Amino acid sequence: MFQVFFCIRDQHDLRFVFLAALICIISCSTAVMMLRQGNAASEETKHRWLITGGLATGFGIWSTHFIAMLGYDPGVVAGYKPGLTAVSLAIVLATTLIGFRLAVFGGKAGSMAFGGCVAGGGFAAMHYTGMAALSLPAKIEWNPAYLLVSVALAILPMVQVLRLALTKRGLANAVMAAGLMVLGIVGLHFTGMTAIRLVPARMEDGAVLLSPSTMSALIGAVSLFLLGLCLFGGLIAKRTNAAILHSQQQFSILVRGISDCAIYMLKQDGCIANWNAGAQRLKGYSEEEVVGQPLAIFYTSEDRALGLHAQAIECARQHGKFIGEGWRVRRDGSRFWAHVTIEHVLDAEGRSLGFAKITRDMTQFKEDQDRLEEARHQLATALSNMHQGLCLFDSNARLVLRNQRFLELWNLPESSCLPGASLDEVAYAALSSRAGEKVSEERIANVHVLLKQSLDANGSEPVVVEYGEAFSMSITSRGMPDGGWVTTFEDISERRRSEKRIAHLAHHDMLTGMPNRSSFNRWLSHELVAAPCRGEQVALVAIDLDRFKEINDTHGHAIGDQVLRSFADAISNCLDENEIAARLGGDEFALAKRFARETELTDFLSRLETAIDGCVTNSVAALNGASIGVVLYPGDAEDLDTLLNNADLAMYRAKVTLGQSVCFYEAGMDEKARWRRQIASDLRFAVERNEMHLLYQEQRSVLDQTLTGYEALLRWTHPLHGNIGPDDFIPIAEESGEIVRIGEWVLRTACLEAMHWPSDLKVAVNLSPVQLLKPDLPEVVTQILLDTGLPPRRLELEITETAIITEKVRALHSLRRIKALGVSVAMDDFGTGYSSLDTLHSFPFDKIKIDKSFLLQSETNDQSRAIVKAVLALGRTLSIPVLAEGVETKMQLALLVEEGCNEAQGYLFGRPASAPSLQQGSDTASSRRAKSAAKR
């Protein structure tokens, strides 16, 4: 370090040193300025700035070196070799230009570092090439350490110089960059000079050398050229900046003077950078209040929540410009409709400088536009949603406008009947489109006639025109003061069809197409008046389908409707002259016939039964037949109402009478029917009124007469009629459907009672066929067991085989689900009705109950005894326990013991009694009675 100082002090003329330093400072400052100008310039001018800067920097550094060399005193006569001197200048110019170009056009840190190495390396190469150009009567020896340090001082600062000049703004960074560059060049030169040691030697003879005076002239010329370049660059920069400043001042005056629009700049983050008078007038904020605030303050809360302000900025950033409209908010909270333009402002290099925003108040224009649009929309909506087609014609019979409905009515395309078309053209297009063929001139002439009729009526009476059976049009025309008119068209085809349908439905059933009740009554009323005059009678037949509700419940209402239609077709097709059939409602049908002889009635009924039998056979569902009631006029009734009522009574008698499908009316049916209707009505409230109660009959083992359980028996104490037997009210409950609700009550009550018994006793409950066919029966049983807490093994459900026959698959499926719960299932009344081995084979019953009718006759009737033995043998063979009902004598009990019967119940063991839980010591008393009976 001290050697460098001594070299400067002892071997250099300080005047030249200071001059070299001045040239170096000017050159480095010029380099930094030119680099910044070139980096910020457009692509067109960037090369010019870089070339100018590179040349100025190269010449300056070269001049700095040789001026300092002129101040160097080696102590001997020295000269300069022209060739190497020129090469040193070429090196520094080339490397400086290359280094600057790499740094500016690369734009990245790596490019800047590489450019700095190239430029710094060029400075070092220029220095040592210039040293090689020095010719002395001595030999130059180099100190390697100082040599390496000088090269490092040339390269390392240049990397940082380029980074500060190109990436850091501000005067301080520019000064720092220029200072680093000066230090690097000065350090290179003087450290390199310190590395020299001169060894005396003979100077080459005949060499062409540049004398110091020649070098001084050359360096002076280069220095003047350098100062000219700097002056030229500075002048250009000054004029450019002055022009920019003048333009900015003019633009600022223009922008700030505009008061009709809000014009201001936004920063990159969307915050407000400046504010003009128009913005203050429009939005109410002063410049001090608003500068630095985000753009979102002008947006409504709804738009801010949607992020519209950020979307607008991003749109301008991505596409260069955003144009939009919307509600904006002033400082006082009022709103105005704004038209907004946001432009992305870029510098010459394409770098973002922010956004220019223009806002105009378009509230009044918006209101006017909205009013016009609303009026236009209302008119268009009214025309488009008119039920009628509309055409407006002027006084020259030219079409002014037509609505969409007009095109739809006449099946016309959008391009048809455009404004300006004549009346004849419109008529021809409409009629030919509907007819599907060319229209004659007569039909066009008829249009003029219809128009004249409609205009004469002035809209008071529409003209109805029929275009075939499928299309009817109502046309109304009204004249206008200017001679034009408005014609409206209404398609009344559906109305005409509806009127016909209504007329048909008023007299016919919608499902089957048969005459309905009113049509039937009208026909019947007429015949009741006419028949006596002709000496004839009238037969009225009422028909009700048997168990039709089960078809709906099982197969669905769609199948039920199909059965009704099939049945209606069957009885309608069997009709003859003077006969009528009608559907009165639901599954009720009625037929009537006027006849003079009994044979005619017999033939009529025979045809009817044959038709019904055929319908049952061919039905899509299992139709169980029909019940038929017949009443005659005038023998069985004197008026229409009585005739209809008596027919219902006869039909009902046929329904409840086993094996009889046709029943004629008889006196006395009315009273019994009223009684049944009263009973059905009272059954609906019997449970709620606590009129129902259960009795329990013991079930015992045949071998040792131990108690095994009880059968729950339903009883009804009517408030007026007293005790009504199950055989009387249960069929009525099944017909009305009340048996389902009553059956659930019985099951729940019996299970609750059984919870008070010993855990080894069962309770048996009878199930109605109606209950068995309910799809949710297993769920009902499950819920009752859960609610009462009774174990499933203690519940036994008794069913008759009759309950299975109607829907065997469905019934057995429900029984299997119930049995899977652990509940026992017993077949009740075995040996009567439809008992078959197939049923026992289809379902694993837990018990068979022999009907009491067989046991009661077993002592006197050998056939009954044989049946009892056969059933018991069957039970043993199938391993199914058998319970005998109706045991009243010791002889009957002995028969059961002899034949191996498992259980029995009857008066011998005890009559049905109240709940065992209400009897004190009931089981003990019953046991004593049973044992004494067995001894007797």
Foldseek 3Di string as FASTA:
>chain_A
DVLLVCQCVPFFDVVLLVVLLVLLLLLLLLLLVLLLCLLQAFPVCNLVSLLLNLLLNLLSLLLSLVSRVLRGHPPFFKFFAVVLSVVLSVLLSVLSSVLSCQLRVVVDLVSLLVSLQSNLQSSLVSNVSRVVRMFGQWDKDFDVVLSVVLSCLSRVLSSVLSCLSNPPDDPVSSSVSSVSNSRSSVSNNSSRVSRIDTGGHGTDPPHDGHHSVNVVVVSVVSSVVSVVSSVVVVVVVVVVVVVVVVVVVVVVCVQQPDQQKWKFWAALVQATAFTHNNRCVVAVDDGVRGHRHHPCQFPDPVVVVVVVSVVQSVCCVVPQKGWDWDWTAHPVGDIFIKTKMKGFDAGSHRHTGGIIMIIGGCRVVVVVVVVVVVVVVVVLCCQAPDLKWKWWAALQQWTQDTGPVLCVLQVHDPPARDGGHHNLRVVQRSVCSNVVHGDDVVVSVVVVVQQVVQQVCQQPAWDWDDDPLQWIKTKHKHADPRNIIMIIIHTCNVVVVVVVVVVQVVQAPPLQSFGEPVNVLVLVQVCLVVQVVVQKKKKKKKKAFAPLVLCCQPVNVVLSSVLLNLLSVLLVVLDDPQKGKGAHDDRMIMIMHIGNDPVVVVVSVVSSQVSQVVSCVPRPANGPTMAMEMEMPPPQHPDDVSRVVQRVLQSVVQNPDPPRRYGYGDPPSVVVVVVLVVLLVVLVCQVVVVQKAWWWFFKAWLPQRATQATEIDIWGQDPPPGTDDCVPRVVSCVVSVVCQVVLLVSLLVQLLLCVLDPLRYAYEYEDDLSLLSNQCNLVSNVVSCVVNVRQQLRYEYEYEVVSCVRPVVSSQVSVVSSVVSVHAYEHECAPDDPHDVVSCVVHPHQEYEHDQVLLVCVVPDVVSVVVVLVVLVVCVVSVHAYEYEADDALVSSVSCVVSVHTMYTHPQQHDTHHRPVVDVPVSVVSSVSNVVRNVD
